[in-house]
Full PDB file with SEQRES, HELIX, SHEET, SSBOND, CRYST1, ORIGX, SCALE, CONECT and MASTER records, all heavy atoms in Angstrom:
SEQRES   1 A   26  ALA SER ARG LEU VAL ARG LYS GLY LEU ILE THR ARG ASP          
SEQRES   2 A   26  GLU ALA VAL LYS LEU VAL GLU LYS LYS ASP TYR ASN VAL          
HELIX    1 AA1 SER A    2  ARG A    6  1                                   5    
HELIX    2 AA2 ARG A   12  LYS A   22  1                                  11    
CRYST1    1.000    1.000    1.000  90.00  90.00  90.00 P 1           1          
ORIGX1      1.000000  0.000000  0.000000        0.00000                         
ORIGX2      0.000000  1.000000  0.000000        0.00000                         
ORIGX3      0.000000  0.000000  1.000000        0.00000                         
SCALE1      1.000000  0.000000  0.000000        0.00000                         
SCALE2      0.000000  1.000000  0.000000        0.00000                         
SCALE3      0.000000  0.000000  1.000000        0.00000                         
ATOM      1  N   ALA A   1      -3.433  -1.384  -2.344  1.00  0.00           N  
ATOM      2  CA  ALA A   1      -2.190  -1.761  -1.680  1.00  0.00           C  
ATOM      3  C   ALA A   1      -2.328  -3.115  -0.970  1.00  0.00           C  
ATOM      4  O   ALA A   1      -1.389  -3.933  -0.994  1.00  0.00           O  
ATOM      5  CB  ALA A   1      -1.778  -0.665  -0.688  1.00  0.00           C  
ATOM      6  N   SER A   2      -3.484  -3.329  -0.391  1.00  0.00           N  
ATOM      7  CA  SER A   2      -3.719  -4.628   0.279  1.00  0.00           C  
ATOM      8  C   SER A   2      -3.700  -5.775  -0.700  1.00  0.00           C  
ATOM      9  O   SER A   2      -3.153  -6.846  -0.436  1.00  0.00           O  
ATOM     10  CB  SER A   2      -5.054  -4.594   1.017  1.00  0.00           C  
ATOM     11  OG  SER A   2      -5.053  -3.652   2.075  1.00  0.00           O  
ATOM     12  N   ARG A   3      -4.240  -5.560  -1.915  1.00  0.00           N  
ATOM     13  CA  ARG A   3      -4.193  -6.589  -2.933  1.00  0.00           C  
ATOM     14  C   ARG A   3      -2.756  -6.873  -3.356  1.00  0.00           C  
ATOM     15  O   ARG A   3      -2.386  -8.028  -3.589  1.00  0.00           O  
ATOM     16  CB  ARG A   3      -5.010  -6.141  -4.165  1.00  0.00           C  
ATOM     17  CG  ARG A   3      -6.485  -5.970  -3.869  1.00  0.00           C  
ATOM     18  CD  ARG A   3      -7.225  -5.437  -5.088  1.00  0.00           C  
ATOM     19  NE  ARG A   3      -8.511  -4.867  -4.732  1.00  0.00           N  
ATOM     20  CZ  ARG A   3      -9.371  -4.315  -5.568  1.00  0.00           C  
ATOM     21  NH1 ARG A   3      -9.035  -4.280  -6.867  1.00  0.00           N  
ATOM     22  NH2 ARG A   3     -10.529  -3.805  -5.179  1.00  0.00           N  
ATOM     23  N   LEU A   4      -1.949  -5.810  -3.484  1.00  0.00           N  
ATOM     24  CA  LEU A   4      -0.563  -6.016  -3.854  1.00  0.00           C  
ATOM     25  C   LEU A   4       0.199  -6.784  -2.816  1.00  0.00           C  
ATOM     26  O   LEU A   4       1.049  -7.636  -3.155  1.00  0.00           O  
ATOM     27  CB  LEU A   4       0.101  -4.635  -4.070  1.00  0.00           C  
ATOM     28  CG  LEU A   4      -0.391  -3.801  -5.263  1.00  0.00           C  
ATOM     29  CD1 LEU A   4       0.322  -2.442  -5.299  1.00  0.00           C  
ATOM     30  CD2 LEU A   4      -0.229  -4.544  -6.595  1.00  0.00           C  
ATOM     31  N   VAL A   5      -0.105  -6.573  -1.543  1.00  0.00           N  
ATOM     32  CA  VAL A   5       0.510  -7.343  -0.482  1.00  0.00           C  
ATOM     33  C   VAL A   5       0.127  -8.812  -0.588  1.00  0.00           C  
ATOM     34  O   VAL A   5       0.983  -9.704  -0.455  1.00  0.00           O  
ATOM     35  CB  VAL A   5       0.126  -6.779   0.898  1.00  0.00           C  
ATOM     36  CG1 VAL A   5       0.648  -7.700   2.030  1.00  0.00           C  
ATOM     37  CG2 VAL A   5       0.693  -5.363   1.110  1.00  0.00           C  
ATOM     38  N   ARG A   6      -1.156  -9.075  -0.793  1.00  0.00           N  
ATOM     39  CA  ARG A   6      -1.643 -10.469  -0.886  1.00  0.00           C  
ATOM     40  C   ARG A   6      -1.010 -11.203  -2.069  1.00  0.00           C  
ATOM     41  O   ARG A   6      -0.837 -12.409  -1.993  1.00  0.00           O  
ATOM     42  CB  ARG A   6      -3.158 -10.468  -1.012  1.00  0.00           C  
ATOM     43  CG  ARG A   6      -3.890  -9.982   0.226  1.00  0.00           C  
ATOM     44  CD  ARG A   6      -5.378  -9.937   0.022  1.00  0.00           C  
ATOM     45  NE  ARG A   6      -5.977  -9.065   1.054  1.00  0.00           N  
ATOM     46  CZ  ARG A   6      -6.812  -8.055   0.805  1.00  0.00           C  
ATOM     47  NH1 ARG A   6      -7.219  -7.850  -0.450  1.00  0.00           N  
ATOM     48  NH2 ARG A   6      -7.277  -7.305   1.778  1.00  0.00           N  
ATOM     49  N   LYS A   7      -0.712 -10.464  -3.119  1.00  0.00           N  
ATOM     50  CA  LYS A   7      -0.064 -11.074  -4.304  1.00  0.00           C  
ATOM     51  C   LYS A   7       1.426 -11.243  -4.110  1.00  0.00           C  
ATOM     52  O   LYS A   7       2.108 -11.772  -4.967  1.00  0.00           O  
ATOM     53  CB  LYS A   7      -0.358 -10.244  -5.558  1.00  0.00           C  
ATOM     54  CG  LYS A   7      -1.833 -10.108  -5.919  1.00  0.00           C  
ATOM     55  CD  LYS A   7      -2.011  -9.169  -7.116  1.00  0.00           C  
ATOM     56  CE  LYS A   7      -3.433  -8.708  -7.297  1.00  0.00           C  
ATOM     57  NZ  LYS A   7      -4.375  -9.817  -7.521  1.00  0.00           N  
ATOM     58  N   GLY A   8       1.964 -10.695  -3.016  1.00  0.00           N  
ATOM     59  CA  GLY A   8       3.378 -10.773  -2.772  1.00  0.00           C  
ATOM     60  C   GLY A   8       4.207  -9.789  -3.596  1.00  0.00           C  
ATOM     61  O   GLY A   8       5.430  -9.958  -3.733  1.00  0.00           O  
ATOM     62  N   LEU A   9       3.577  -8.731  -4.114  1.00  0.00           N  
ATOM     63  CA  LEU A   9       4.254  -7.792  -4.984  1.00  0.00           C  
ATOM     64  C   LEU A   9       4.917  -6.656  -4.200  1.00  0.00           C  
ATOM     65  O   LEU A   9       5.852  -6.036  -4.709  1.00  0.00           O  
ATOM     66  CB  LEU A   9       3.289  -7.202  -6.015  1.00  0.00           C  
ATOM     67  CG  LEU A   9       2.669  -8.237  -6.970  1.00  0.00           C  
ATOM     68  CD1 LEU A   9       1.645  -7.598  -7.886  1.00  0.00           C  
ATOM     69  CD2 LEU A   9       3.759  -8.920  -7.808  1.00  0.00           C  
ATOM     70  N   ILE A  10       4.402  -6.369  -3.012  1.00  0.00           N  
ATOM     71  CA  ILE A  10       5.015  -5.371  -2.121  1.00  0.00           C  
ATOM     72  C   ILE A  10       4.929  -5.888  -0.691  1.00  0.00           C  
ATOM     73  O   ILE A  10       4.156  -6.781  -0.416  1.00  0.00           O  
ATOM     74  CB  ILE A  10       4.345  -3.972  -2.238  1.00  0.00           C  
ATOM     75  CG1 ILE A  10       2.884  -4.061  -1.809  1.00  0.00           C  
ATOM     76  CG2 ILE A  10       4.485  -3.411  -3.636  1.00  0.00           C  
ATOM     77  CD1 ILE A  10       2.223  -2.667  -1.706  1.00  0.00           C  
ATOM     78  N   THR A  11       5.734  -5.293   0.197  1.00  0.00           N  
ATOM     79  CA  THR A  11       5.668  -5.623   1.587  1.00  0.00           C  
ATOM     80  C   THR A  11       4.575  -4.802   2.267  1.00  0.00           C  
ATOM     81  O   THR A  11       4.101  -3.819   1.735  1.00  0.00           O  
ATOM     82  CB  THR A  11       6.992  -5.353   2.282  1.00  0.00           C  
ATOM     83  OG1 THR A  11       7.251  -3.924   2.277  1.00  0.00           O  
ATOM     84  CG2 THR A  11       8.155  -6.080   1.576  1.00  0.00           C  
ATOM     85  N   ARG A  12       4.271  -5.190   3.474  1.00  0.00           N  
ATOM     86  CA  ARG A  12       3.285  -4.416   4.244  1.00  0.00           C  
ATOM     87  C   ARG A  12       3.792  -3.015   4.527  1.00  0.00           C  
ATOM     88  O   ARG A  12       3.048  -2.043   4.453  1.00  0.00           O  
ATOM     89  CB  ARG A  12       2.938  -5.130   5.536  1.00  0.00           C  
ATOM     90  CG  ARG A  12       1.738  -4.500   6.246  1.00  0.00           C  
ATOM     91  CD  ARG A  12       1.398  -5.106   7.612  1.00  0.00           C  
ATOM     92  NE  ARG A  12       0.145  -4.554   8.100  1.00  0.00           N  
ATOM     93  CZ  ARG A  12       0.005  -3.348   8.606  1.00  0.00           C  
ATOM     94  NH1 ARG A  12       1.067  -2.535   8.726  1.00  0.00           N  
ATOM     95  NH2 ARG A  12      -1.168  -2.910   9.038  1.00  0.00           N  
ATOM     96  N   ASP A  13       5.062  -2.878   4.865  1.00  0.00           N  
ATOM     97  CA  ASP A  13       5.642  -1.552   5.109  1.00  0.00           C  
ATOM     98  C   ASP A  13       5.545  -0.662   3.890  1.00  0.00           C  
ATOM     99  O   ASP A  13       5.247   0.543   4.000  1.00  0.00           O  
ATOM    100  CB  ASP A  13       7.113  -1.670   5.546  1.00  0.00           C  
ATOM    101  CG  ASP A  13       7.275  -2.248   6.966  1.00  0.00           C  
ATOM    102  OD1 ASP A  13       6.269  -2.216   7.705  1.00  0.00           O  
ATOM    103  OD2 ASP A  13       8.372  -2.693   7.317  1.00  0.00           O  
ATOM    104  N   GLU A  14       5.787  -1.239   2.724  1.00  0.00           N  
ATOM    105  CA  GLU A  14       5.653  -0.461   1.476  1.00  0.00           C  
ATOM    106  C   GLU A  14       4.200  -0.035   1.260  1.00  0.00           C  
ATOM    107  O   GLU A  14       3.929   1.079   0.780  1.00  0.00           O  
ATOM    108  CB  GLU A  14       6.155  -1.298   0.300  1.00  0.00           C  
ATOM    109  CG  GLU A  14       7.652  -1.470   0.303  1.00  0.00           C  
ATOM    110  CD  GLU A  14       8.132  -2.463  -0.742  1.00  0.00           C  
ATOM    111  OE1 GLU A  14       7.371  -3.412  -1.040  1.00  0.00           O  
ATOM    112  OE2 GLU A  14       9.263  -2.292  -1.273  1.00  0.00           O  
ATOM    113  N   ALA A  15       3.282  -0.912   1.599  1.00  0.00           N  
ATOM    114  CA  ALA A  15       1.856  -0.619   1.471  1.00  0.00           C  
ATOM    115  C   ALA A  15       1.466   0.551   2.374  1.00  0.00           C  
ATOM    116  O   ALA A  15       0.730   1.436   1.973  1.00  0.00           O  
ATOM    117  CB  ALA A  15       1.011  -1.844   1.789  1.00  0.00           C  
ATOM    118  N   VAL A  16       1.951   0.558   3.601  1.00  0.00           N  
ATOM    119  CA  VAL A  16       1.652   1.642   4.540  1.00  0.00           C  
ATOM    120  C   VAL A  16       2.110   2.986   3.958  1.00  0.00           C  
ATOM    121  O   VAL A  16       1.359   3.981   4.025  1.00  0.00           O  
ATOM    122  CB  VAL A  16       2.322   1.398   5.902  1.00  0.00           C  
ATOM    123  CG1 VAL A  16       2.260   2.641   6.772  1.00  0.00           C  
ATOM    124  CG2 VAL A  16       1.680   0.208   6.636  1.00  0.00           C  
ATOM    125  N   LYS A  17       3.269   3.019   3.388  1.00  0.00           N  
ATOM    126  CA  LYS A  17       3.788   4.286   2.804  1.00  0.00           C  
ATOM    127  C   LYS A  17       2.911   4.757   1.651  1.00  0.00           C  
ATOM    128  O   LYS A  17       2.633   5.958   1.519  1.00  0.00           O  
ATOM    129  CB  LYS A  17       5.210   4.080   2.352  1.00  0.00           C  
ATOM    130  CG  LYS A  17       6.209   3.890   3.474  1.00  0.00           C  
ATOM    131  CD  LYS A  17       7.648   3.643   2.947  1.00  0.00           C  
ATOM    132  CE  LYS A  17       8.595   3.404   4.094  1.00  0.00           C  
ATOM    133  NZ  LYS A  17       9.990   3.094   3.603  1.00  0.00           N  
ATOM    134  N   LEU A  18       2.472   3.847   0.812  1.00  0.00           N  
ATOM    135  CA  LEU A  18       1.582   4.193  -0.296  1.00  0.00           C  
ATOM    136  C   LEU A  18       0.259   4.731   0.186  1.00  0.00           C  
ATOM    137  O   LEU A  18      -0.255   5.735  -0.317  1.00  0.00           O  
ATOM    138  CB  LEU A  18       1.354   2.992  -1.205  1.00  0.00           C  
ATOM    139  CG  LEU A  18       2.509   2.522  -2.079  1.00  0.00           C  
ATOM    140  CD1 LEU A  18       2.208   1.212  -2.722  1.00  0.00           C  
ATOM    141  CD2 LEU A  18       2.833   3.594  -3.145  1.00  0.00           C  
ATOM    142  N   VAL A  19      -0.297   4.089   1.209  1.00  0.00           N  
ATOM    143  CA  VAL A  19      -1.588   4.491   1.751  1.00  0.00           C  
ATOM    144  C   VAL A  19      -1.487   5.891   2.379  1.00  0.00           C  
ATOM    145  O   VAL A  19      -2.389   6.734   2.173  1.00  0.00           O  
ATOM    146  CB  VAL A  19      -2.078   3.462   2.807  1.00  0.00           C  
ATOM    147  CG1 VAL A  19      -3.267   4.015   3.593  1.00  0.00           C  
ATOM    148  CG2 VAL A  19      -2.488   2.149   2.108  1.00  0.00           C  
ATOM    149  N   GLU A  20      -0.442   6.131   3.154  1.00  0.00           N  
ATOM    150  CA  GLU A  20      -0.285   7.421   3.807  1.00  0.00           C  
ATOM    151  C   GLU A  20      -0.079   8.561   2.821  1.00  0.00           C  
ATOM    152  O   GLU A  20      -0.404   9.716   3.088  1.00  0.00           O  
ATOM    153  CB  GLU A  20       0.863   7.346   4.832  1.00  0.00           C  
ATOM    154  CG  GLU A  20       0.520   6.435   5.998  1.00  0.00           C  
ATOM    155  CD  GLU A  20       1.587   6.425   7.063  1.00  0.00           C  
ATOM    156  OE1 GLU A  20       2.657   7.021   6.869  1.00  0.00           O  
ATOM    157  OE2 GLU A  20       1.354   5.799   8.112  1.00  0.00           O  
ATOM    158  N   LYS A  21       0.477   8.237   1.659  1.00  0.00           N  
ATOM    159  CA  LYS A  21       0.686   9.242   0.632  1.00  0.00           C  
ATOM    160  C   LYS A  21      -0.556   9.495  -0.211  1.00  0.00           C  
ATOM    161  O   LYS A  21      -0.795  10.647  -0.660  1.00  0.00           O  
ATOM    162  CB  LYS A  21       1.842   8.794  -0.274  1.00  0.00           C  
ATOM    163  CG  LYS A  21       2.167   9.760  -1.386  1.00  0.00           C  
ATOM    164  CD  LYS A  21       3.322   9.244  -2.250  1.00  0.00           C  
ATOM    165  CE  LYS A  21       3.611  10.207  -3.405  1.00  0.00           C  
ATOM    166  NZ  LYS A  21       4.705   9.686  -4.269  1.00  0.00           N  
ATOM    167  N   LYS A  22      -1.369   8.464  -0.438  1.00  0.00           N  
ATOM    168  CA  LYS A  22      -2.413   8.539  -1.431  1.00  0.00           C  
ATOM    169  C   LYS A  22      -3.827   8.601  -0.902  1.00  0.00           C  
ATOM    170  O   LYS A  22      -4.690   9.287  -1.458  1.00  0.00           O  
ATOM    171  CB  LYS A  22      -2.313   7.319  -2.374  1.00  0.00           C  
ATOM    172  CG  LYS A  22      -1.022   7.295  -3.211  1.00  0.00           C  
ATOM    173  CD  LYS A  22      -1.151   8.280  -4.388  1.00  0.00           C  
ATOM    174  CE  LYS A  22       0.005   8.134  -5.342  1.00  0.00           C  
ATOM    175  NZ  LYS A  22      -0.128   9.057  -6.524  1.00  0.00           N  
ATOM    176  N   ASP A  23      -4.136   7.848   0.132  1.00  0.00           N  
ATOM    177  CA  ASP A  23      -5.531   7.578   0.464  1.00  0.00           C  
ATOM    178  C   ASP A  23      -6.354   8.836   0.746  1.00  0.00           C  
ATOM    179  O   ASP A  23      -7.519   8.940   0.313  1.00  0.00           O  
ATOM    180  CB  ASP A  23      -5.608   6.636   1.691  1.00  0.00           C  
ATOM    181  CG  ASP A  23      -6.468   5.401   1.415  1.00  0.00           C  
ATOM    182  OD1 ASP A  23      -6.938   5.239   0.264  1.00  0.00           O  
ATOM    183  OD2 ASP A  23      -6.696   4.629   2.322  1.00  0.00           O  
ATOM    184  N   TYR A  24      -5.841   9.758   1.492  1.00  0.00           N  
ATOM    185  CA  TYR A  24      -6.601  10.942   1.916  1.00  0.00           C  
ATOM    186  C   TYR A  24      -6.708  11.965   0.802  1.00  0.00           C  
ATOM    187  O   TYR A  24      -7.609  12.814   0.796  1.00  0.00           O  
ATOM    188  CB  TYR A  24      -5.903  11.592   3.117  1.00  0.00           C  
ATOM    189  CG  TYR A  24      -4.678  12.368   2.721  1.00  0.00           C  
ATOM    190  CD1 TYR A  24      -4.687  13.727   2.485  1.00  0.00           C  
ATOM    191  CD2 TYR A  24      -3.437  11.703   2.549  1.00  0.00           C  
ATOM    192  CE1 TYR A  24      -3.553  14.438   2.119  1.00  0.00           C  
ATOM    193  CE2 TYR A  24      -2.308  12.401   2.157  1.00  0.00           C  
ATOM    194  CZ  TYR A  24      -2.392  13.759   1.973  1.00  0.00           C  
ATOM    195  OH  TYR A  24      -1.260  14.448   1.560  1.00  0.00           O  
ATOM    196  N   ASN A  25      -5.816  11.895  -0.183  1.00  0.00           N  
ATOM    197  CA  ASN A  25      -5.524  12.994  -1.081  1.00  0.00           C  
ATOM    198  C   ASN A  25      -6.424  13.014  -2.311  1.00  0.00           C  
ATOM    199  O   ASN A  25      -5.977  12.769  -3.433  1.00  0.00           O  
ATOM    200  CB  ASN A  25      -4.052  12.937  -1.496  1.00  0.00           C  
ATOM    201  CG  ASN A  25      -3.565  14.226  -2.134  1.00  0.00           C  
ATOM    202  OD1 ASN A  25      -4.186  15.263  -2.004  1.00  0.00           O  
ATOM    203  ND2 ASN A  25      -2.444  14.130  -2.855  1.00  0.00           N  
ATOM    204  N   VAL A  26      -7.710  13.240  -2.149  1.00  0.00           N  
ATOM    205  CA  VAL A  26      -8.655  13.158  -3.255  1.00  0.00           C  
ATOM    206  C   VAL A  26      -8.289  14.177  -4.332  1.00  0.00           C  
ATOM    207  O   VAL A  26      -8.013  15.341  -4.071  1.00  0.00           O  
ATOM    208  CB  VAL A  26     -10.097  13.384  -2.770  1.00  0.00           C  
ATOM    209  CG1 VAL A  26     -10.305  14.745  -2.166  1.00  0.00           C  
ATOM    210  CG2 VAL A  26     -11.073  13.165  -3.940  1.00  0.00           C  
TER     211      VAL A  26                                                      
MASTER        0    0    0    2    0    0    0    6  210    1    0    2          
END                                                                             
């Protein structure tokens, strides 16, 4: 998600939502 933000493909707020949905959920 951080890479996508740096590339300008998503906003930081969008990245936060993706992280909260995905990161913990092995």
